[in-house]
PDB file of N, CA and C in Angstrom:
ATOM      1  N   MET A   1       0.825  -1.217   0.069  1.00  0.00           N
ATOM      2  CA  MET A   1      -0.095   0.143  -0.021  1.00  0.00           C
ATOM      3  C   MET A   1       1.091   1.297   0.044  1.00  0.00           C
ATOM      4  N   GLY A   2       0.331   2.298  -0.417  1.00  0.00           N
ATOM      5  CA  GLY A   2       1.141   3.392  -0.612  1.00  0.00           C
ATOM      6  C   GLY A   2       1.789   3.983   0.660  1.00  0.00           C
ATOM      7  N   ASP A   3       2.629   4.761   0.479  1.00  0.00           N
ATOM      8  CA  ASP A   3       3.426   5.445   1.741  1.00  0.00           C
ATOM      9  C   ASP A   3       2.602   6.544   2.283  1.00  0.00           C
ATOM     10  N   THR A   4       1.771   7.355   1.517  1.00  0.00           N
ATOM     11  CA  THR A   4       1.106   8.373   1.864  1.00  0.00           C
ATOM     12  C   THR A   4      -0.454   8.323   1.903  1.00  0.00           C
ATOM     13  N   ILE A   5      -1.174   9.094   2.651  1.00  0.00           N
ATOM     14  CA  ILE A   5      -2.732   8.829   2.613  1.00  0.00           C
ATOM     15  C   ILE A   5      -3.334   9.139   1.109  1.00  0.00           C
ATOM     16  N   ASP A   6      -2.508  10.102   0.395  1.00  0.00           N
ATOM     17  CA  ASP A   6      -3.030  10.408  -1.071  1.00  0.00           C
ATOM     18  C   ASP A   6      -2.891   9.157  -1.868  1.00  0.00           C
ATOM     19  N   GLN A   7      -1.814   8.367  -1.802  1.00  0.00           N
ATOM     20  CA  GLN A   7      -1.461   7.197  -2.443  1.00  0.00           C
ATOM     21  C   GLN A   7      -2.448   6.054  -2.149  1.00  0.00           C
ATOM     22  N   ARG A   8      -2.614   5.948  -0.833  1.00  0.00           N
ATOM     23  CA  ARG A   8      -3.559   4.992  -0.342  1.00  0.00           C
ATOM     24  C   ARG A   8      -4.920   5.217  -0.905  1.00  0.00           C
ATOM     25  N   ALA A   9      -5.519   6.433  -0.837  1.00  0.00           N
ATOM     26  CA  ALA A   9      -6.655   6.744  -1.343  1.00  0.00           C
ATOM     27  C   ALA A   9      -6.934   6.322  -2.686  1.00  0.00           C
ATOM     28  N   CYS A  10      -5.922   6.702  -3.465  1.00  0.00           N
ATOM     29  CA  CYS A  10      -5.961   6.118  -5.194  1.00  0.00           C
ATOM     30  C   CYS A  10      -5.869   4.740  -5.383  1.00  0.00           C
ATOM     31  N   GLU A  11      -5.117   4.254  -4.417  1.00  0.00           N
ATOM     32  CA  GLU A  11      -4.988   2.551  -4.354  1.00  0.00           C
ATOM     33  C   GLU A  11      -6.049   1.905  -4.238  1.00  0.00           C
ATOM     34  N   LEU A  12      -6.853   2.390  -3.109  1.00  0.00           N
ATOM     35  CA  LEU A  12      -8.119   2.060  -2.639  1.00  0.00           C
ATOM     36  C   LEU A  12      -9.224   2.199  -3.833  1.00  0.00           C
ATOM     37  N   ALA A  13      -9.241   3.272  -4.332  1.00  0.00           N
ATOM     38  CA  ALA A  13     -10.256   3.566  -5.378  1.00  0.00           C
ATOM     39  C   ALA A  13     -10.069   2.628  -6.589  1.00  0.00           C
ATOM     40  N   VAL A  14      -8.834   2.717  -7.118  1.00  0.00           N
ATOM     41  CA  VAL A  14      -8.525   1.750  -8.089  1.00  0.00           C
ATOM     42  C   VAL A  14      -8.833   0.208  -7.804  1.00  0.00           C
ATOM     43  N   TYR A  15      -8.622  -0.199  -6.843  1.00  0.00           N
ATOM     44  CA  TYR A  15      -8.877  -1.485  -6.490  1.00  0.00           C
ATOM     45  C   TYR A  15     -10.338  -1.731  -6.569  1.00  0.00           C
ATOM     46  N   MET A  16     -11.110  -0.805  -5.912  1.00  0.00           N
ATOM     47  CA  MET A  16     -12.475  -1.077  -6.049  1.00  0.00           C
ATOM     48  C   MET A  16     -12.986  -0.998  -7.234  1.00  0.00           C
ATOM     49  N   ILE A  17     -12.524  -0.076  -8.296  1.00  0.00           N
ATOM     50  CA  ILE A  17     -13.058   0.012  -9.496  1.00  0.00           C
ATOM     51  C   ILE A  17     -12.837  -1.299 -10.441  1.00  0.00           C
ATOM     52  N   GLU A  18     -11.594  -1.636 -10.213  1.00  0.00           N
ATOM     53  CA  GLU A  18     -11.056  -2.808 -10.791  1.00  0.00           C
ATOM     54  C   GLU A  18     -11.903  -4.306 -10.610  1.00  0.00           C
ATOM     55  N   THR A  19     -12.092  -4.357  -9.337  1.00  0.00           N
ATOM     56  CA  THR A  19     -12.537  -5.730  -8.741  1.00  0.00           C
ATOM     57  C   THR A  19     -14.108  -5.522  -8.372  1.00  0.00           C
ATOM     58  N   GLY A  20     -14.611  -4.349  -8.422  1.00  0.00           N
ATOM     59  CA  GLY A  20     -16.058  -4.150  -8.138  1.00  0.00           C
ATOM     60  C   GLY A  20     -16.419  -4.486  -6.521  1.00  0.00           C
ATOM     61  N   SER A  21     -15.441  -4.380  -5.762  1.00  0.00           N
ATOM     62  CA  SER A  21     -15.594  -4.792  -4.255  1.00  0.00           C
ATOM     63  C   SER A  21     -16.083  -3.833  -3.420  1.00  0.00           C
ATOM     64  N   THR A  22     -16.614  -4.227  -2.391  1.00  0.00           N
ATOM     65  CA  THR A  22     -17.289  -3.083  -1.320  1.00  0.00           C
ATOM     66  C   THR A  22     -16.304  -2.479  -0.463  1.00  0.00           C
ATOM     67  N   VAL A  23     -16.859  -1.536   0.349  1.00  0.00           N
ATOM     68  CA  VAL A  23     -15.980  -0.854   1.324  1.00  0.00           C
ATOM     69  C   VAL A  23     -15.439  -1.709   2.141  1.00  0.00           C
ATOM     70  N   ARG A  24     -16.530  -3.028   2.736  1.00  0.00           N
ATOM     71  CA  ARG A  24     -15.987  -3.781   3.748  1.00  0.00           C
ATOM     72  C   ARG A  24     -14.897  -4.619   3.182  1.00  0.00           C
ATOM     73  N   SER A  25     -14.944  -5.271   2.011  1.00  0.00           N
ATOM     74  CA  SER A  25     -14.048  -5.974   1.444  1.00  0.00           C
ATOM     75  C   SER A  25     -12.700  -5.689   1.279  1.00  0.00           C
ATOM     76  N   THR A  26     -12.851  -4.318   0.722  1.00  0.00           N
ATOM     77  CA  THR A  26     -11.529  -3.433   0.498  1.00  0.00           C
ATOM     78  C   THR A  26     -10.807  -3.322   1.837  1.00  0.00           C
ATOM     79  N   ALA A  27     -11.548  -3.053   2.691  1.00  0.00           N
ATOM     80  CA  ALA A  27     -10.897  -2.687   4.257  1.00  0.00           C
ATOM     81  C   ALA A  27     -10.270  -4.053   4.513  1.00  0.00           C
ATOM     82  N   GLN A  28     -11.012  -5.211   4.450  1.00  0.00           N
ATOM     83  CA  GLN A  28     -10.177  -6.456   4.911  1.00  0.00           C
ATOM     84  C   GLN A  28      -8.923  -6.760   3.909  1.00  0.00           C
ATOM     85  N   LYS A  29      -9.117  -6.390   2.728  1.00  0.00           N
ATOM     86  CA  LYS A  29      -7.940  -6.724   1.893  1.00  0.00           C
ATOM     87  C   LYS A  29      -6.793  -6.035   1.973  1.00  0.00           C
ATOM     88  N   PHE A  30      -6.917  -4.644   2.484  1.00  0.00           N
ATOM     89  CA  PHE A  30      -5.876  -3.762   2.838  1.00  0.00           C
ATOM     90  C   PHE A  30      -5.581  -3.570   4.264  1.00  0.00           C
ATOM     91  N   GLY A  31      -6.279  -4.419   5.076  1.00  0.00           N
ATOM     92  CA  GLY A  31      -5.966  -4.202   6.429  1.00  0.00           C
ATOM     93  C   GLY A  31      -6.267  -3.115   7.362  1.00  0.00           C
ATOM     94  N   ILE A  32      -7.375  -2.491   6.910  1.00  0.00           N
ATOM     95  CA  ILE A  32      -7.497  -1.143   7.714  1.00  0.00           C
ATOM     96  C   ILE A  32      -9.047  -1.146   7.890  1.00  0.00           C
ATOM     97  N   SER A  33      -9.613  -0.123   8.587  1.00  0.00           N
ATOM     98  CA  SER A  33     -10.900  -0.013   8.835  1.00  0.00           C
ATOM     99  C   SER A  33     -11.908   0.504   7.820  1.00  0.00           C
ATOM    100  N   LYS A  34     -13.053   0.016   7.935  1.00  0.00           N
ATOM    101  CA  LYS A  34     -14.008   0.599   6.925  1.00  0.00           C
ATOM    102  C   LYS A  34     -14.293   2.031   6.969  1.00  0.00           C
ATOM    103  N   SER A  35     -13.927   2.546   8.127  1.00  0.00           N
ATOM    104  CA  SER A  35     -14.338   4.102   8.266  1.00  0.00           C
ATOM    105  C   SER A  35     -13.124   4.596   7.722  1.00  0.00           C
ATOM    106  N   THR A  36     -11.897   4.188   7.778  1.00  0.00           N
ATOM    107  CA  THR A  36     -10.609   4.709   6.891  1.00  0.00           C
ATOM    108  C   THR A  36     -10.880   4.765   5.347  1.00  0.00           C
ATOM    109  N   VAL A  37     -11.504   3.311   4.864  1.00  0.00           N
ATOM    110  CA  VAL A  37     -11.551   3.408   3.428  1.00  0.00           C
ATOM    111  C   VAL A  37     -12.361   4.349   2.976  1.00  0.00           C
ATOM    112  N   HIS A  38     -13.596   4.372   3.708  1.00  0.00           N
ATOM    113  CA  HIS A  38     -14.668   5.285   3.371  1.00  0.00           C
ATOM    114  C   HIS A  38     -14.337   6.833   3.434  1.00  0.00           C
ATOM    115  N   LYS A  39     -13.666   7.083   4.634  1.00  0.00           N
ATOM    116  CA  LYS A  39     -13.246   8.512   4.513  1.00  0.00           C
ATOM    117  C   LYS A  39     -12.129   8.899   3.455  1.00  0.00           C
ATOM    118  N   ASP A  40     -11.109   7.960   3.123  1.00  0.00           N
ATOM    119  CA  ASP A  40     -10.096   8.239   2.086  1.00  0.00           C
ATOM    120  C   ASP A  40     -10.972   8.548   0.800  1.00  0.00           C
ATOM    121  N   LEU A  41     -11.982   7.698   0.477  1.00  0.00           N
ATOM    122  CA  LEU A  41     -12.710   7.665  -0.670  1.00  0.00           C
ATOM    123  C   LEU A  41     -13.546   8.902  -0.874  1.00  0.00           C
ATOM    124  N   THR A  42     -14.158   9.182   0.314  1.00  0.00           N
ATOM    125  CA  THR A  42     -15.261  10.391   0.031  1.00  0.00           C
ATOM    126  C   THR A  42     -14.640  11.711   0.361  1.00  0.00           C
ATOM    127  N   GLU A  43     -13.646  11.794   1.125  1.00  0.00           N
ATOM    128  CA  GLU A  43     -13.045  13.120   1.490  1.00  0.00           C
ATOM    129  C   GLU A  43     -11.791  13.415   0.787  1.00  0.00           C
ATOM    130  N   LYS A  44     -10.772  12.390   1.011  1.00  0.00           N
ATOM    131  CA  LYS A  44      -9.512  12.803   0.507  1.00  0.00           C
ATOM    132  C   LYS A  44      -9.378  12.607  -1.014  1.00  0.00           C
ATOM    133  N   LEU A  45      -9.910  11.733  -1.613  1.00  0.00           N
ATOM    134  CA  LEU A  45      -9.879  11.489  -2.975  1.00  0.00           C
ATOM    135  C   LEU A  45     -10.252  12.502  -3.857  1.00  0.00           C
ATOM    136  N   LYS A  46     -11.383  13.290  -3.312  1.00  0.00           N
ATOM    137  CA  LYS A  46     -12.014  14.322  -3.937  1.00  0.00           C
ATOM    138  C   LYS A  46     -10.944  15.547  -4.216  1.00  0.00           C
ATOM    139  N   ASP A  47     -10.076  15.879  -3.400  1.00  0.00           N
ATOM    140  CA  ASP A  47      -8.970  16.774  -3.549  1.00  0.00           C
ATOM    141  C   ASP A  47      -7.759  16.233  -4.312  1.00  0.00           C
ATOM    142  N   ILE A  48      -7.765  14.847  -4.320  1.00  0.00           N
ATOM    143  CA  ILE A  48      -6.509  14.444  -5.131  1.00  0.00           C
ATOM    144  C   ILE A  48      -6.829  14.165  -6.620  1.00  0.00           C
ATOM    145  N   ASP A  49      -7.998  13.639  -6.941  1.00  0.00           N
ATOM    146  CA  ASP A  49      -8.115  13.151  -8.340  1.00  0.00           C
ATOM    147  C   ASP A  49      -9.664  13.039  -8.728  1.00  0.00           C
ATOM    148  N   GLU A  50     -10.206  14.087  -9.036  1.00  0.00           N
ATOM    149  CA  GLU A  50     -11.678  14.309  -9.217  1.00  0.00           C
ATOM    150  C   GLU A  50     -12.289  13.125 -10.180  1.00  0.00           C
ATOM    151  N   ILE A  51     -11.523  12.861 -11.286  1.00  0.00           N
ATOM    152  CA  ILE A  51     -12.042  11.829 -12.263  1.00  0.00           C
ATOM    153  C   ILE A  51     -12.337  10.481 -11.508  1.00  0.00           C
ATOM    154  N   LEU A  52     -11.091  10.199 -10.759  1.00  0.00           N
ATOM    155  CA  LEU A  52     -11.183   8.877  -9.917  1.00  0.00           C
ATOM    156  C   LEU A  52     -12.180   8.936  -8.791  1.00  0.00           C
ATOM    157  N   PHE A  53     -12.493  10.270  -8.276  1.00  0.00           N
ATOM    158  CA  PHE A  53     -13.469  10.318  -7.015  1.00  0.00           C
ATOM    159  C   PHE A  53     -14.748  10.237  -7.756  1.00  0.00           C
ATOM    160  N   ASP A  54     -15.107  10.802  -9.068  1.00  0.00           N
ATOM    161  CA  ASP A  54     -16.370  10.644  -9.881  1.00  0.00           C
ATOM    162  C   ASP A  54     -16.863   9.264 -10.095  1.00  0.00           C
ATOM    163  N   GLU A  55     -15.805   8.230 -10.285  1.00  0.00           N
ATOM    164  CA  GLU A  55     -16.164   6.983 -10.460  1.00  0.00           C
ATOM    165  C   GLU A  55     -16.319   6.254  -9.227  1.00  0.00           C
ATOM    166  N   ILE A  56     -15.589   6.445  -8.383  1.00  0.00           N
ATOM    167  CA  ILE A  56     -15.874   5.803  -6.879  1.00  0.00           C
ATOM    168  C   ILE A  56     -17.136   6.296  -6.269  1.00  0.00           C
ATOM    169  N   ALA A  57     -17.566   7.523  -6.538  1.00  0.00           N
ATOM    170  CA  ALA A  57     -18.770   7.820  -5.908  1.00  0.00           C
ATOM    171  C   ALA A  57     -19.912   7.141  -6.309  1.00  0.00           C
ATOM    172  N   ASP A  58     -19.818   6.897  -7.786  1.00  0.00           N
ATOM    173  CA  ASP A  58     -20.866   6.221  -8.495  1.00  0.00           C
ATOM    174  C   ASP A  58     -21.122   4.781  -7.924  1.00  0.00           C
ATOM    175  N   ILE A  59     -19.839   4.116  -7.762  1.00  0.00           N
ATOM    176  CA  ILE A  59     -19.748   2.671  -7.002  1.00  0.00           C
ATOM    177  C   ILE A  59     -20.306   2.757  -5.619  1.00  0.00           C
ATOM    178  N   LEU A  60     -19.874   3.700  -4.904  1.00  0.00           N
ATOM    179  CA  LEU A  60     -20.401   3.849  -3.636  1.00  0.00           C
ATOM    180  C   LEU A  60     -21.783   3.928  -3.405  1.00  0.00           C
ATOM    181  N   ASP A  61     -22.525   4.770  -4.277  1.00  0.00           N
ATOM    182  CA  ASP A  61     -23.756   5.031  -4.429  1.00  0.00           C
ATOM    183  C   ASP A  61     -24.583   3.684  -4.714  1.00  0.00           C
ATOM    184  N   TYR A  62     -24.083   3.047  -5.580  1.00  0.00           N
ATOM    185  CA  TYR A  62     -24.711   1.952  -6.112  1.00  0.00           C
ATOM    186  C   TYR A  62     -24.656   0.823  -4.970  1.00  0.00           C
ATOM    187  N   ASN A  63     -23.607   0.662  -4.262  1.00  0.00           N
ATOM    188  CA  ASN A  63     -23.440  -0.299  -3.258  1.00  0.00           C
ATOM    189  C   ASN A  63     -24.349   0.181  -2.105  1.00  0.00           C
ATOM    190  N   LYS A  64     -24.527   1.490  -1.842  1.00  0.00           N
ATOM    191  CA  LYS A  64     -25.385   1.950  -0.757  1.00  0.00           C
ATOM    192  C   LYS A  64     -26.779   1.582  -1.214  1.00  0.00           C
ATOM    193  N   LYS A  65     -27.208   1.841  -2.440  1.00  0.00           N
ATOM    194  CA  LYS A  65     -28.731   1.495  -2.709  1.00  0.00           C
ATOM    195  C   LYS A  65     -29.028   0.071  -2.717  1.00  0.00           C
ATOM    196  N   SER A  66     -27.863  -0.865  -3.174  1.00  0.00           N
ATOM    197  CA  SER A  66     -28.078  -2.309  -2.988  1.00  0.00           C
ATOM    198  C   SER A  66     -28.160  -2.653  -1.493  1.00  0.00           C
ATOM    199  N   ALA A  67     -27.535  -2.234  -0.697  1.00  0.00           N
ATOM    200  CA  ALA A  67     -27.584  -2.542   0.601  1.00  0.00           C
ATOM    201  C   ALA A  67     -28.930  -2.206   1.186  1.00  0.00           C
ATOM    202  N   ILE A  68     -29.400  -1.134   1.096  1.00  0.00           N
ATOM    203  CA  ILE A  68     -30.814  -0.790   1.437  1.00  0.00           C
ATOM    204  C   ILE A  68     -31.827  -1.608   0.766  1.00  0.00           C
ATOM    205  N   LEU A  69     -31.923  -1.928  -0.681  1.00  0.00           N
ATOM    206  CA  LEU A  69     -32.675  -2.950  -1.286  1.00  0.00           C
ATOM    207  C   LEU A  69     -32.604  -4.200  -0.458  1.00  0.00           C
ATOM    208  N   GLU A  70     -31.671  -4.673  -0.309  1.00  0.00           N
ATOM    209  CA  GLU A  70     -31.319  -5.978   0.352  1.00  0.00           C
ATOM    210  C   GLU A  70     -31.889  -6.159   1.964  1.00  0.00           C
ATOM    211  N   ALA A  71     -31.737  -4.837   2.656  1.00  0.00           N
ATOM    212  CA  ALA A  71     -32.435  -4.846   4.010  1.00  0.00           C
ATOM    213  C   ALA A  71     -33.762  -4.738   3.962  1.00  0.00           C
ATOM    214  N   ASP A  72     -34.296  -4.017   2.937  1.00  0.00           N
ATOM    215  CA  ASP A  72     -35.874  -3.877   2.794  1.00  0.00           C
ATOM    216  C   ASP A  72     -36.246  -5.251   2.430  1.00  0.00           C
ATOM    217  N   LYS A  73     -35.739  -6.071   1.700  1.00  0.00           N
ATOM    218  CA  LYS A  73     -36.303  -7.244   1.234  1.00  0.00           C
ATOM    219  C   LYS A  73     -36.259  -8.403   2.624  1.00  0.00           C
ATOM    220  N   ARG A  74     -35.084  -8.379   3.419  1.00  0.00           N
ATOM    221  CA  ARG A  74     -35.075  -9.046   4.674  1.00  0.00           C
ATOM    222  C   ARG A  74     -36.147  -8.523   5.811  1.00  0.00           C
ATOM    223  N   LEU A  75     -36.281  -7.325   5.543  1.00  0.00           N
ATOM    224  CA  LEU A  75     -37.450  -6.829   6.618  1.00  0.00           C
ATOM    225  C   LEU A  75     -38.804  -7.337   6.129  1.00  0.00           C
ATOM    226  N   LYS A  76     -39.106  -7.195   4.860  1.00  0.00           N
ATOM    227  CA  LYS A  76     -40.321  -7.632   4.329  1.00  0.00           C
ATOM    228  C   LYS A  76     -40.697  -9.193   4.601  1.00  0.00           C
ATOM    229  N   LYS A  77     -39.629  -9.948   4.443  1.00  0.00           N
ATOM    230  CA  LYS A  77     -39.653 -11.353   4.506  1.00  0.00           C
ATOM    231  C   LYS A  77     -39.849 -11.762   6.196  1.00  0.00           C
ATOM    232  N   ASN A  78     -39.085 -10.945   7.009  1.00  0.00           N
ATOM    233  CA  ASN A  78     -39.347 -11.222   8.532  1.00  0.00           C
ATOM    234  C   ASN A  78     -40.791 -10.647   8.875  1.00  0.00           C
ATOM    235  N   MET A  79     -41.334  -9.817   8.270  1.00  0.00           N
ATOM    236  CA  MET A  79     -42.531  -9.265   8.589  1.00  0.00           C
ATOM    237  C   MET A  79     -43.659 -10.292   8.194  1.00  0.00           C
ATOM    238  N   LYS A  80     -43.438 -11.037   7.177  1.00  0.00           N
ATOM    239  CA  LYS A  80     -44.334 -11.912   6.872  1.00  0.00           C
ATOM    240  C   LYS A  80     -44.531 -13.248   7.779  1.00  0.00           C
ATOM    241  N   ASN A  81     -43.276 -13.395   8.509  1.00  0.00           N
ATOM    242  CA  ASN A  81     -43.173 -14.468   9.357  1.00  0.00           C
ATOM    243  C   ASN A  81     -43.644 -14.287  10.544  1.00  0.00           C
TER     244      ASN A  81
END
């Protein structure tokens, strides 16, 4: 992993874009917390590389919407039982 926070943020973004991984799996892969991954990608990356930030913002938004839909499905299933 990169020596600086800027390098780390770029590496995390590239990894997520190339693999389609989530914040959680990226954090596990790099041995850092989910909070660190999220902060690097949503706060630091914007100042470093706007194009990369725009790509990762779309992925994060998609992952968030997917998680909400899955939670909604589980809730509806549990309410039926």
